[in-house]
C-alpha atoms as a PDB file:
ATOM      1  CA  UNK A   1     103.933  60.885 -46.885  1.00  0.00           C
ATOM      2  CA  UNK A   2     102.718  61.397 -43.344  1.00  0.00           C
ATOM      3  CA  UNK A   3     101.989  59.183 -40.369  1.00  0.00           C
ATOM      4  CA  UNK A   4     101.054  60.226 -36.862  1.00  0.00           C
ATOM      5  CA  UNK A   5      99.170  58.453 -34.090  1.00  0.00           C
ATOM      6  CA  UNK A   6      98.986  57.988 -30.329  1.00  0.00           C
ATOM      7  CA  UNK A   7      99.877  54.589 -28.904  1.00  0.00           C
ATOM      8  CA  UNK A   8      97.240  53.471 -26.420  1.00  0.00           C
ATOM      9  CA  UNK A   9      98.063  51.793 -23.122  1.00  0.00           C
ATOM     10  CA  UNK A  10      96.827  48.485 -24.560  1.00  0.00           C
ATOM     11  CA  UNK A  11      98.970  49.038 -27.647  1.00  0.00           C
ATOM     12  CA  UNK A  12     102.097  49.583 -25.553  1.00  0.00           C
ATOM     13  CA  UNK A  13     101.402  46.434 -23.529  1.00  0.00           C
ATOM     14  CA  UNK A  14     100.794  44.341 -26.653  1.00  0.00           C
ATOM     15  CA  UNK A  15     103.985  45.499 -28.344  1.00  0.00           C
ATOM     16  CA  UNK A  16     106.380  45.902 -25.421  1.00  0.00           C
ATOM     17  CA  UNK A  17     105.483  42.840 -23.340  1.00  0.00           C
ATOM     18  CA  UNK A  18     104.358  40.370 -25.980  1.00  0.00           C
ATOM     19  CA  UNK A  19     104.789  40.877 -29.693  1.00  0.00           C
ATOM     20  CA  UNK A  20     108.088  42.741 -30.096  1.00  0.00           C
ATOM     21  CA  UNK A  21     109.976  40.227 -27.864  1.00  0.00           C
ATOM     22  CA  UNK A  22     108.469  37.418 -29.975  1.00  0.00           C
ATOM     23  CA  UNK A  23     109.149  39.119 -33.303  1.00  0.00           C
ATOM     24  CA  UNK A  24     112.724  39.901 -32.275  1.00  0.00           C
ATOM     25  CA  UNK A  25     113.348  36.136 -32.077  1.00  0.00           C
ATOM     26  CA  UNK A  26     112.346  35.862 -35.724  1.00  0.00           C
ATOM     27  CA  UNK A  27     114.927  38.420 -36.774  1.00  0.00           C
ATOM     28  CA  UNK A  28     116.414  41.700 -35.625  1.00  0.00           C
ATOM     29  CA  UNK A  29     115.243  43.640 -38.688  1.00  0.00           C
ATOM     30  CA  UNK A  30     111.693  43.576 -39.979  1.00  0.00           C
ATOM     31  CA  UNK A  31     109.394  45.522 -42.257  1.00  0.00           C
ATOM     32  CA  UNK A  32     106.742  47.738 -40.740  1.00  0.00           C
ATOM     33  CA  UNK A  33     103.835  48.209 -43.133  1.00  0.00           C
ATOM     34  CA  UNK A  34     101.192  50.828 -42.371  1.00  0.00           C
ATOM     35  CA  UNK A  35      97.838  51.024 -44.160  1.00  0.00           C
ATOM     36  CA  UNK A  36      94.621  52.942 -43.562  1.00  0.00           C
ATOM     37  CA  UNK A  37      93.236  50.183 -41.335  1.00  0.00           C
ATOM     38  CA  UNK A  38      96.105  47.962 -40.205  1.00  0.00           C
ATOM     39  CA  UNK A  39      99.697  47.828 -38.989  1.00  0.00           C
ATOM     40  CA  UNK A  40     101.865  44.883 -40.032  1.00  0.00           C
ATOM     41  CA  UNK A  41     105.211  43.565 -38.804  1.00  0.00           C
ATOM     42  CA  UNK A  42     106.683  41.349 -41.520  1.00  0.00           C
ATOM     43  CA  UNK A  43     109.726  39.071 -41.700  1.00  0.00           C
ATOM     44  CA  UNK A  44     111.264  37.618 -44.875  1.00  0.00           C
ATOM     45  CA  UNK A  45     108.341  38.302 -47.207  1.00  0.00           C
ATOM     46  CA  UNK A  46     110.544  39.810 -49.911  1.00  0.00           C
ATOM     47  CA  UNK A  47     113.508  37.452 -49.549  1.00  0.00           C
ATOM     48  CA  UNK A  48     111.800  34.051 -49.135  1.00  0.00           C
ATOM     49  CA  UNK A  49     114.799  33.197 -46.984  1.00  0.00           C
ATOM     50  CA  UNK A  50     113.900  31.355 -43.801  1.00  0.00           C
ATOM     51  CA  UNK A  51     110.749  31.621 -41.723  1.00  0.00           C
ATOM     52  CA  UNK A  52     108.162  34.132 -42.850  1.00  0.00           C
ATOM     53  CA  UNK A  53     106.170  35.793 -40.074  1.00  0.00           C
ATOM     54  CA  UNK A  54     103.158  38.058 -40.412  1.00  0.00           C
ATOM     55  CA  UNK A  55     101.806  39.969 -37.415  1.00  0.00           C
ATOM     56  CA  UNK A  56      98.758  42.097 -38.179  1.00  0.00           C
ATOM     57  CA  UNK A  57      96.963  44.565 -35.916  1.00  0.00           C
ATOM     58  CA  UNK A  58      93.810  46.507 -36.572  1.00  0.00           C
ATOM     59  CA  UNK A  59      94.673  50.163 -36.039  1.00  0.00           C
ATOM     60  CA  UNK A  60      92.438  50.543 -32.988  1.00  0.00           C
ATOM     61  CA  UNK A  61      94.210  47.606 -31.297  1.00  0.00           C
ATOM     62  CA  UNK A  62      97.328  49.778 -30.981  1.00  0.00           C
ATOM     63  CA  UNK A  63      96.492  53.394 -31.698  1.00  0.00           C
ATOM     64  CA  UNK A  64      94.122  56.273 -31.226  1.00  0.00           C
ATOM     65  CA  UNK A  65      93.889  59.368 -33.457  1.00  0.00           C
ATOM     66  CA  UNK A  66      95.495  57.396 -36.299  1.00  0.00           C
ATOM     67  CA  UNK A  67      96.424  59.512 -39.338  1.00  0.00           C
ATOM     68  CA  UNK A  68      98.198  58.328 -42.479  1.00  0.00           C
ATOM     69  CA  UNK A  69      98.563  59.671 -45.993  1.00  0.00           C
ATOM     70  CA  UNK A  70     100.812  58.825 -48.920  1.00  0.00           C
ATOM     71  CA  UNK A  71     100.727  58.695 -52.697  1.00  0.00           C
ATOM     72  CA  UNK A  72     100.779  54.880 -52.473  1.00  0.00           C
ATOM     73  CA  UNK A  73      97.070  54.629 -51.618  1.00  0.00           C
ATOM     74  CA  UNK A  74      97.850  55.669 -48.034  1.00  0.00           C
ATOM     75  CA  UNK A  75     100.305  52.816 -47.566  1.00  0.00           C
ATOM     76  CA  UNK A  76     103.780  53.262 -46.054  1.00  0.00           C
ATOM     77  CA  UNK A  77     106.471  50.624 -45.647  1.00  0.00           C
ATOM     78  CA  UNK A  78     109.944  50.716 -44.105  1.00  0.00           C
ATOM     79  CA  UNK A  79     112.300  48.483 -42.126  1.00  0.00           C
ATOM     80  CA  UNK A  80     113.672  49.030 -38.648  1.00  0.00           C
ATOM     81  CA  UNK A  81     115.654  47.427 -35.837  1.00  0.00           C
ATOM     82  CA  UNK A  82     113.199  45.784 -33.414  1.00  0.00           C
ATOM     83  CA  UNK A  83     115.618  46.055 -30.486  1.00  0.00           C
ATOM     84  CA  UNK A  84     115.604  49.850 -30.862  1.00  0.00           C
ATOM     85  CA  UNK A  85     111.816  49.873 -31.041  1.00  0.00           C
ATOM     86  CA  UNK A  86     111.562  47.748 -27.899  1.00  0.00           C
ATOM     87  CA  UNK A  87     114.008  49.986 -26.048  1.00  0.00           C
ATOM     88  CA  UNK A  88     111.994  53.079 -26.993  1.00  0.00           C
ATOM     89  CA  UNK A  89     108.743  51.484 -25.851  1.00  0.00           C
ATOM     90  CA  UNK A  90     110.205  50.428 -22.509  1.00  0.00           C
ATOM     91  CA  UNK A  91     111.732  53.829 -21.952  1.00  0.00           C
ATOM     92  CA  UNK A  92     108.456  55.570 -22.786  1.00  0.00           C
ATOM     93  CA  UNK A  93     106.508  53.275 -20.473  1.00  0.00           C
ATOM     94  CA  UNK A  94     108.903  54.052 -17.639  1.00  0.00           C
ATOM     95  CA  UNK A  95     108.656  57.807 -18.153  1.00  0.00           C
ATOM     96  CA  UNK A  96     104.913  58.266 -18.368  1.00  0.00           C
ATOM     97  CA  UNK A  97     102.042  56.532 -16.628  1.00  0.00           C
ATOM     98  CA  UNK A  98      99.579  58.175 -19.015  1.00  0.00           C
ATOM     99  CA  UNK A  99     100.150  56.096 -22.115  1.00  0.00           C
ATOM    100  CA  UNK A 100      97.652  58.037 -24.212  1.00  0.00           C
ATOM    101  CA  UNK A 101     100.286  60.782 -24.254  1.00  0.00           C
ATOM    102  CA  UNK A 102     102.748  58.646 -26.255  1.00  0.00           C
ATOM    103  CA  UNK A 103     102.772  60.016 -29.772  1.00  0.00           C
ATOM    104  CA  UNK A 104     104.479  58.217 -32.647  1.00  0.00           C
ATOM    105  CA  UNK A 105     105.166  59.771 -36.047  1.00  0.00           C
ATOM    106  CA  UNK A 106     107.383  59.631 -39.117  1.00  0.00           C
ATOM    107  CA  UNK A 107     109.805  62.521 -39.478  1.00  0.00           C
ATOM    108  CA  UNK A 108     112.915  63.559 -41.395  1.00  0.00           C
ATOM    109  CA  UNK A 109     115.770  64.969 -39.367  1.00  0.00           C
ATOM    110  CA  UNK A 110     119.367  65.957 -39.874  1.00  0.00           C
ATOM    111  CA  UNK A 111     121.587  63.514 -37.951  1.00  0.00           C
ATOM    112  CA  UNK A 112     124.716  64.788 -36.203  1.00  0.00           C
ATOM    113  CA  UNK A 113     127.651  65.379 -38.550  1.00  0.00           C
ATOM    114  CA  UNK A 114     125.475  64.915 -41.612  1.00  0.00           C
ATOM    115  CA  UNK A 115     124.163  67.197 -44.331  1.00  0.00           C
ATOM    116  CA  UNK A 116     121.458  64.819 -45.530  1.00  0.00           C
ATOM    117  CA  UNK A 117     118.116  64.507 -43.716  1.00  0.00           C
ATOM    118  CA  UNK A 118     117.282  60.942 -42.700  1.00  0.00           C
ATOM    119  CA  UNK A 119     113.945  59.266 -41.859  1.00  0.00           C
ATOM    120  CA  UNK A 120     113.100  58.423 -38.255  1.00  0.00           C
ATOM    121  CA  UNK A 121     110.207  56.951 -36.308  1.00  0.00           C
ATOM    122  CA  UNK A 122     109.863  59.392 -33.430  1.00  0.00           C
ATOM    123  CA  UNK A 123     108.347  58.738 -30.014  1.00  0.00           C
ATOM    124  CA  UNK A 124     107.311  61.768 -27.991  1.00  0.00           C
ATOM    125  CA  UNK A 125     106.382  61.076 -24.399  1.00  0.00           C
ATOM    126  CA  UNK A 126     104.784  63.863 -22.399  1.00  0.00           C
ATOM    127  CA  UNK A 127     104.995  63.428 -18.657  1.00  0.00           C
ATOM    128  CA  UNK A 128     103.554  65.759 -16.050  1.00  0.00           C
ATOM    129  CA  UNK A 129     106.617  67.965 -15.932  1.00  0.00           C
ATOM    130  CA  UNK A 130     108.633  67.066 -19.024  1.00  0.00           C
ATOM    131  CA  UNK A 131     108.621  65.727 -22.545  1.00  0.00           C
ATOM    132  CA  UNK A 132     111.067  63.159 -23.926  1.00  0.00           C
ATOM    133  CA  UNK A 133     111.676  62.580 -27.638  1.00  0.00           C
ATOM    134  CA  UNK A 134     113.245  59.360 -28.919  1.00  0.00           C
ATOM    135  CA  UNK A 135     114.227  58.913 -32.557  1.00  0.00           C
ATOM    136  CA  UNK A 136     114.478  55.425 -34.074  1.00  0.00           C
ATOM    137  CA  UNK A 137     116.358  55.348 -37.400  1.00  0.00           C
ATOM    138  CA  UNK A 138     114.455  53.580 -40.157  1.00  0.00           C
ATOM    139  CA  UNK A 139     115.186  52.663 -43.738  1.00  0.00           C
ATOM    140  CA  UNK A 140     114.218  54.897 -46.607  1.00  0.00           C
ATOM    141  CA  UNK A 141     110.458  54.379 -47.052  1.00  0.00           C
ATOM    142  CA  UNK A 142     109.590  51.883 -49.761  1.00  0.00           C
ATOM    143  CA  UNK A 143     108.936  53.216 -53.244  1.00  0.00           C
ATOM    144  CA  UNK A 144     105.640  52.710 -55.054  1.00  0.00           C
ATOM    145  CA  UNK A 145     106.941  49.588 -56.806  1.00  0.00           C
ATOM    146  CA  UNK A 146     108.387  48.212 -53.561  1.00  0.00           C
ATOM    147  CA  UNK A 147     105.106  48.797 -51.721  1.00  0.00           C
ATOM    148  CA  UNK A 148     103.289  46.935 -54.494  1.00  0.00           C
ATOM    149  CA  UNK A 149     105.808  44.082 -54.265  1.00  0.00           C
ATOM    150  CA  UNK A 150     105.367  43.912 -50.490  1.00  0.00           C
ATOM    151  CA  UNK A 151     101.571  43.972 -50.780  1.00  0.00           C
ATOM    152  CA  UNK A 152     101.658  41.166 -53.358  1.00  0.00           C
ATOM    153  CA  UNK A 153     103.926  39.073 -51.118  1.00  0.00           C
ATOM    154  CA  UNK A 154     101.624  39.769 -48.181  1.00  0.00           C
ATOM    155  CA  UNK A 155      98.556  38.691 -50.151  1.00  0.00           C
ATOM    156  CA  UNK A 156     100.312  35.427 -51.045  1.00  0.00           C
ATOM    157  CA  UNK A 157     101.428  34.865 -47.443  1.00  0.00           C
ATOM    158  CA  UNK A 158      97.883  35.419 -46.157  1.00  0.00           C
ATOM    159  CA  UNK A 159      96.633  32.316 -47.974  1.00  0.00           C
ATOM    160  CA  UNK A 160      96.161  29.721 -45.266  1.00  0.00           C
ATOM    161  CA  UNK A 161      95.889  25.914 -45.578  1.00  0.00           C
ATOM    162  CA  UNK A 162      92.385  24.576 -46.129  1.00  0.00           C
ATOM    163  CA  UNK A 163      92.755  22.381 -43.046  1.00  0.00           C
ATOM    164  CA  UNK A 164      94.407  23.217 -39.715  1.00  0.00           C
ATOM    165  CA  UNK A 165      94.708  21.299 -36.448  1.00  0.00           C
ATOM    166  CA  UNK A 166      94.903  23.237 -33.198  1.00  0.00           C
ATOM    167  CA  UNK A 167      97.194  22.609 -30.208  1.00  0.00           C
ATOM    168  CA  UNK A 168      96.268  24.349 -26.962  1.00  0.00           C
ATOM    169  CA  UNK A 169      98.949  22.575 -24.871  1.00  0.00           C
ATOM    170  CA  UNK A 170     101.628  25.059 -25.881  1.00  0.00           C
ATOM    171  CA  UNK A 171     103.854  24.469 -22.843  1.00  0.00           C
ATOM    172  CA  UNK A 172     103.835  20.725 -23.502  1.00  0.00           C
ATOM    173  CA  UNK A 173     104.783  21.363 -27.117  1.00  0.00           C
ATOM    174  CA  UNK A 174     107.685  23.581 -26.055  1.00  0.00           C
ATOM    175  CA  UNK A 175     108.831  20.951 -23.543  1.00  0.00           C
ATOM    176  CA  UNK A 176     108.967  18.199 -26.176  1.00  0.00           C
ATOM    177  CA  UNK A 177     110.712  20.305 -28.799  1.00  0.00           C
ATOM    178  CA  UNK A 178     113.316  21.445 -26.270  1.00  0.00           C
ATOM    179  CA  UNK A 179     114.282  17.773 -25.851  1.00  0.00           C
ATOM    180  CA  UNK A 180     114.081  16.997 -29.557  1.00  0.00           C
ATOM    181  CA  UNK A 181     116.261  19.812 -30.871  1.00  0.00           C
ATOM    182  CA  UNK A 182     119.440  18.189 -29.530  1.00  0.00           C
ATOM    183  CA  UNK A 183     118.949  15.087 -31.672  1.00  0.00           C
ATOM    184  CA  UNK A 184     118.915  16.391 -35.218  1.00  0.00           C
ATOM    185  CA  UNK A 185     118.578  19.212 -37.711  1.00  0.00           C
ATOM    186  CA  UNK A 186     115.360  17.993 -39.341  1.00  0.00           C
ATOM    187  CA  UNK A 187     111.891  17.771 -37.794  1.00  0.00           C
ATOM    188  CA  UNK A 188     109.295  15.449 -39.259  1.00  0.00           C
ATOM    189  CA  UNK A 189     105.740  16.769 -38.941  1.00  0.00           C
ATOM    190  CA  UNK A 190     102.664  14.619 -39.541  1.00  0.00           C
ATOM    191  CA  UNK A 191      99.199  16.144 -39.637  1.00  0.00           C
ATOM    192  CA  UNK A 192      96.486  13.494 -39.448  1.00  0.00           C
ATOM    193  CA  UNK A 193      93.121  13.999 -41.115  1.00  0.00           C
ATOM    194  CA  UNK A 194      91.354  13.016 -37.890  1.00  0.00           C
ATOM    195  CA  UNK A 195      92.975  15.737 -35.797  1.00  0.00           C
ATOM    196  CA  UNK A 196      96.430  14.430 -34.957  1.00  0.00           C
ATOM    197  CA  UNK A 197      99.773  16.205 -34.932  1.00  0.00           C
ATOM    198  CA  UNK A 198     102.953  14.139 -34.776  1.00  0.00           C
ATOM    199  CA  UNK A 199     106.521  15.374 -34.362  1.00  0.00           C
ATOM    200  CA  UNK A 200     109.585  13.201 -34.954  1.00  0.00           C
ATOM    201  CA  UNK A 201     113.337  13.646 -35.024  1.00  0.00           C
ATOM    202  CA  UNK A 202     115.958  10.961 -35.610  1.00  0.00           C
ATOM    203  CA  UNK A 203     119.650  10.554 -35.010  1.00  0.00           C
ATOM    204  CA  UNK A 204     121.939   7.648 -35.868  1.00  0.00           C
ATOM    205  CA  UNK A 205     121.124   6.039 -32.509  1.00  0.00           C
ATOM    206  CA  UNK A 206     117.602   7.035 -31.541  1.00  0.00           C
ATOM    207  CA  UNK A 207     114.270   8.324 -32.806  1.00  0.00           C
ATOM    208  CA  UNK A 208     112.185  10.551 -30.569  1.00  0.00           C
ATOM    209  CA  UNK A 209     108.586  11.498 -31.252  1.00  0.00           C
ATOM    210  CA  UNK A 210     105.582  13.225 -29.720  1.00  0.00           C
ATOM    211  CA  UNK A 211     101.955  12.933 -30.743  1.00  0.00           C
ATOM    212  CA  UNK A 212      98.987  15.168 -29.999  1.00  0.00           C
ATOM    213  CA  UNK A 213      95.575  13.558 -30.582  1.00  0.00           C
ATOM    214  CA  UNK A 214      91.933  14.586 -30.756  1.00  0.00           C
ATOM    215  CA  UNK A 215      92.832  18.103 -31.777  1.00  0.00           C
ATOM    216  CA  UNK A 216      90.434  20.738 -33.015  1.00  0.00           C
ATOM    217  CA  UNK A 217      90.101  20.696 -36.814  1.00  0.00           C
ATOM    218  CA  UNK A 218      89.434  23.966 -38.629  1.00  0.00           C
ATOM    219  CA  UNK A 219      88.477  24.104 -42.306  1.00  0.00           C
ATOM    220  CA  UNK A 220      87.971  21.339 -44.778  1.00  0.00           C
ATOM    221  CA  UNK A 221      88.975  17.727 -44.179  1.00  0.00           C
ATOM    222  CA  UNK A 222      89.662  16.911 -47.812  1.00  0.00           C
ATOM    223  CA  UNK A 223      93.186  18.278 -48.062  1.00  0.00           C
ATOM    224  CA  UNK A 224      95.310  16.255 -50.451  1.00  0.00           C
ATOM    225  CA  UNK A 225      96.910  13.626 -48.258  1.00  0.00           C
ATOM    226  CA  UNK A 226      99.843  11.282 -48.379  1.00  0.00           C
ATOM    227  CA  UNK A 227      98.017   7.985 -48.179  1.00  0.00           C
ATOM    228  CA  UNK A 228      95.535   7.463 -45.377  1.00  0.00           C
ATOM    229  CA  UNK A 229      97.692   8.986 -42.686  1.00  0.00           C
ATOM    230  CA  UNK A 230      97.412  12.655 -43.684  1.00  0.00           C
ATOM    231  CA  UNK A 231     100.283  15.000 -44.493  1.00  0.00           C
ATOM    232  CA  UNK A 232     103.911  14.128 -43.750  1.00  0.00           C
ATOM    233  CA  UNK A 233     106.477  16.883 -44.242  1.00  0.00           C
ATOM    234  CA  UNK A 234     110.002  17.789 -43.176  1.00  0.00           C
ATOM    235  CA  UNK A 235     111.146  21.176 -41.894  1.00  0.00           C
ATOM    236  CA  UNK A 236     114.348  22.584 -40.482  1.00  0.00           C
ATOM    237  CA  UNK A 237     114.610  22.040 -36.725  1.00  0.00           C
ATOM    238  CA  UNK A 238     116.116  25.522 -36.462  1.00  0.00           C
ATOM    239  CA  UNK A 239     113.084  27.007 -38.214  1.00  0.00           C
ATOM    240  CA  UNK A 240     110.634  25.040 -36.071  1.00  0.00           C
ATOM    241  CA  UNK A 241     112.297  26.144 -32.830  1.00  0.00           C
ATOM    242  CA  UNK A 242     112.370  29.749 -34.038  1.00  0.00           C
ATOM    243  CA  UNK A 243     108.664  29.591 -34.856  1.00  0.00           C
ATOM    244  CA  UNK A 244     107.882  28.370 -31.350  1.00  0.00           C
ATOM    245  CA  UNK A 245     109.530  31.509 -29.965  1.00  0.00           C
ATOM    246  CA  UNK A 246     106.362  33.249 -31.100  1.00  0.00           C
ATOM    247  CA  UNK A 247     104.799  31.828 -27.926  1.00  0.00           C
ATOM    248  CA  UNK A 248     106.353  34.868 -26.247  1.00  0.00           C
ATOM    249  CA  UNK A 249     103.391  36.743 -27.719  1.00  0.00           C
ATOM    250  CA  UNK A 250     101.220  34.617 -25.376  1.00  0.00           C
ATOM    251  CA  UNK A 251      98.811  33.008 -27.853  1.00  0.00           C
ATOM    252  CA  UNK A 252      96.018  30.811 -26.530  1.00  0.00           C
ATOM    253  CA  UNK A 253      96.298  28.185 -29.260  1.00  0.00           C
ATOM    254  CA  UNK A 254      98.447  27.307 -32.277  1.00  0.00           C
ATOM    255  CA  UNK A 255      97.080  25.738 -35.474  1.00  0.00           C
ATOM    256  CA  UNK A 256      99.227  23.703 -37.867  1.00  0.00           C
ATOM    257  CA  UNK A 257      98.622  22.999 -41.536  1.00  0.00           C
ATOM    258  CA  UNK A 258     100.373  22.464 -44.863  1.00  0.00           C
ATOM    259  CA  UNK A 259      99.780  24.983 -47.641  1.00  0.00           C
ATOM    260  CA  UNK A 260      97.607  24.014 -50.590  1.00  0.00           C
ATOM    261  CA  UNK A 261     100.683  24.007 -52.830  1.00  0.00           C
ATOM    262  CA  UNK A 262     102.561  21.917 -50.214  1.00  0.00           C
ATOM    263  CA  UNK A 263     105.314  24.519 -50.149  1.00  0.00           C
ATOM    264  CA  UNK A 264     105.271  25.413 -46.484  1.00  0.00           C
ATOM    265  CA  UNK A 265     104.195  24.414 -43.003  1.00  0.00           C
ATOM    266  CA  UNK A 266     101.920  27.150 -41.664  1.00  0.00           C
ATOM    267  CA  UNK A 267     101.518  27.879 -37.954  1.00  0.00           C
ATOM    268  CA  UNK A 268      98.631  30.184 -37.027  1.00  0.00           C
ATOM    269  CA  UNK A 269      98.522  31.606 -33.514  1.00  0.00           C
ATOM    270  CA  UNK A 270      95.096  32.289 -32.027  1.00  0.00           C
ATOM    271  CA  UNK A 271      94.394  34.939 -29.405  1.00  0.00           C
ATOM    272  CA  UNK A 272      91.264  35.180 -27.279  1.00  0.00           C
ATOM    273  CA  UNK A 273      89.559  38.323 -26.119  1.00  0.00           C
ATOM    274  CA  UNK A 274      90.730  38.649 -22.479  1.00  0.00           C
ATOM    275  CA  UNK A 275      88.366  36.860 -20.111  1.00  0.00           C
ATOM    276  CA  UNK A 276      86.591  34.933 -22.871  1.00  0.00           C
ATOM    277  CA  UNK A 277      86.969  32.083 -25.360  1.00  0.00           C
ATOM    278  CA  UNK A 278      86.189  34.320 -28.317  1.00  0.00           C
ATOM    279  CA  UNK A 279      88.847  34.942 -30.943  1.00  0.00           C
ATOM    280  CA  UNK A 280      90.311  38.444 -30.857  1.00  0.00           C
ATOM    281  CA  UNK A 281      89.832  39.450 -34.493  1.00  0.00           C
ATOM    282  CA  UNK A 282      91.836  42.650 -34.070  1.00  0.00           C
ATOM    283  CA  UNK A 283      95.073  40.599 -33.976  1.00  0.00           C
ATOM    284  CA  UNK A 284      96.443  37.905 -36.256  1.00  0.00           C
ATOM    285  CA  UNK A 285      99.859  36.254 -36.242  1.00  0.00           C
ATOM    286  CA  UNK A 286     101.178  33.369 -38.296  1.00  0.00           C
ATOM    287  CA  UNK A 287     104.421  31.877 -39.614  1.00  0.00           C
ATOM    288  CA  UNK A 288     105.312  29.903 -42.723  1.00  0.00           C
ATOM    289  CA  UNK A 289     108.186  27.417 -42.608  1.00  0.00           C
ATOM    290  CA  UNK A 290     109.697  26.245 -45.902  1.00  0.00           C
ATOM    291  CA  UNK A 291     109.529  22.494 -46.440  1.00  0.00           C
ATOM    292  CA  UNK A 292     112.599  20.352 -47.016  1.00  0.00           C
ATOM    293  CA  UNK A 293     112.968  17.925 -49.882  1.00  0.00           C
ATOM    294  CA  UNK A 294     112.756  14.371 -48.450  1.00  0.00           C
ATOM    295  CA  UNK A 295     115.468  13.307 -50.857  1.00  0.00           C
ATOM    296  CA  UNK A 296     117.933  16.003 -49.917  1.00  0.00           C
END
């Protein structure tokens, strides 16, 4: 299997300043999944343990001269430490002002004091007078069956709720949740069929809530509802707070909805093309939070 590409200046900015800091909050280790047309950063898709996050980039959003080949239909998957990736990106950005000279590729090398070659994601930065190579250790690339399992999990995770309500007041949302998280471990989320989003947390002494009204509605308005008030679900406060850390990626809006099988709360982050109100279709990012049993 082979992968080689050049990270563009825009790609470095997207990853270093926005997405990797956000993804690192979801978990230190994640899967990187490379296909002919897209690059994915995936959390918890194979374990179903905790918050699932799916960040997807069209190849030209990050790379130029993108080349990939493998016996798994030109698909390559592996896991890595995001903190090491972020460090390499920051170091490369500091070394070279010409970001189109930052090459990234998969290699096998012999580590010090070892007789077995190991896989690495290598960054090669060429400055005006020098070249710097940084090797990030990665897991053994996924086998054919593991790639198929990951692709199947990704296909399932890409199914979005039929109805979503959008919140553009992201700072206000963060402000409320910062106050709420001290009161309890469970967050109640209500999604009204007329474009409302309610948040509620209770302790033995007090109940605190926040409500967002007249929100944008995307999709159908005939989602199965709990009475006339829409969907009412419970999620872990820890999971909800972790999901909001994705705001480090600087989305312009966040949409909330409950999956068609009522198994998760889905949060879809929307990004606009800079200087416009048009959705940037080269990037997608969403999280799925497992629901809690009301009787538990």
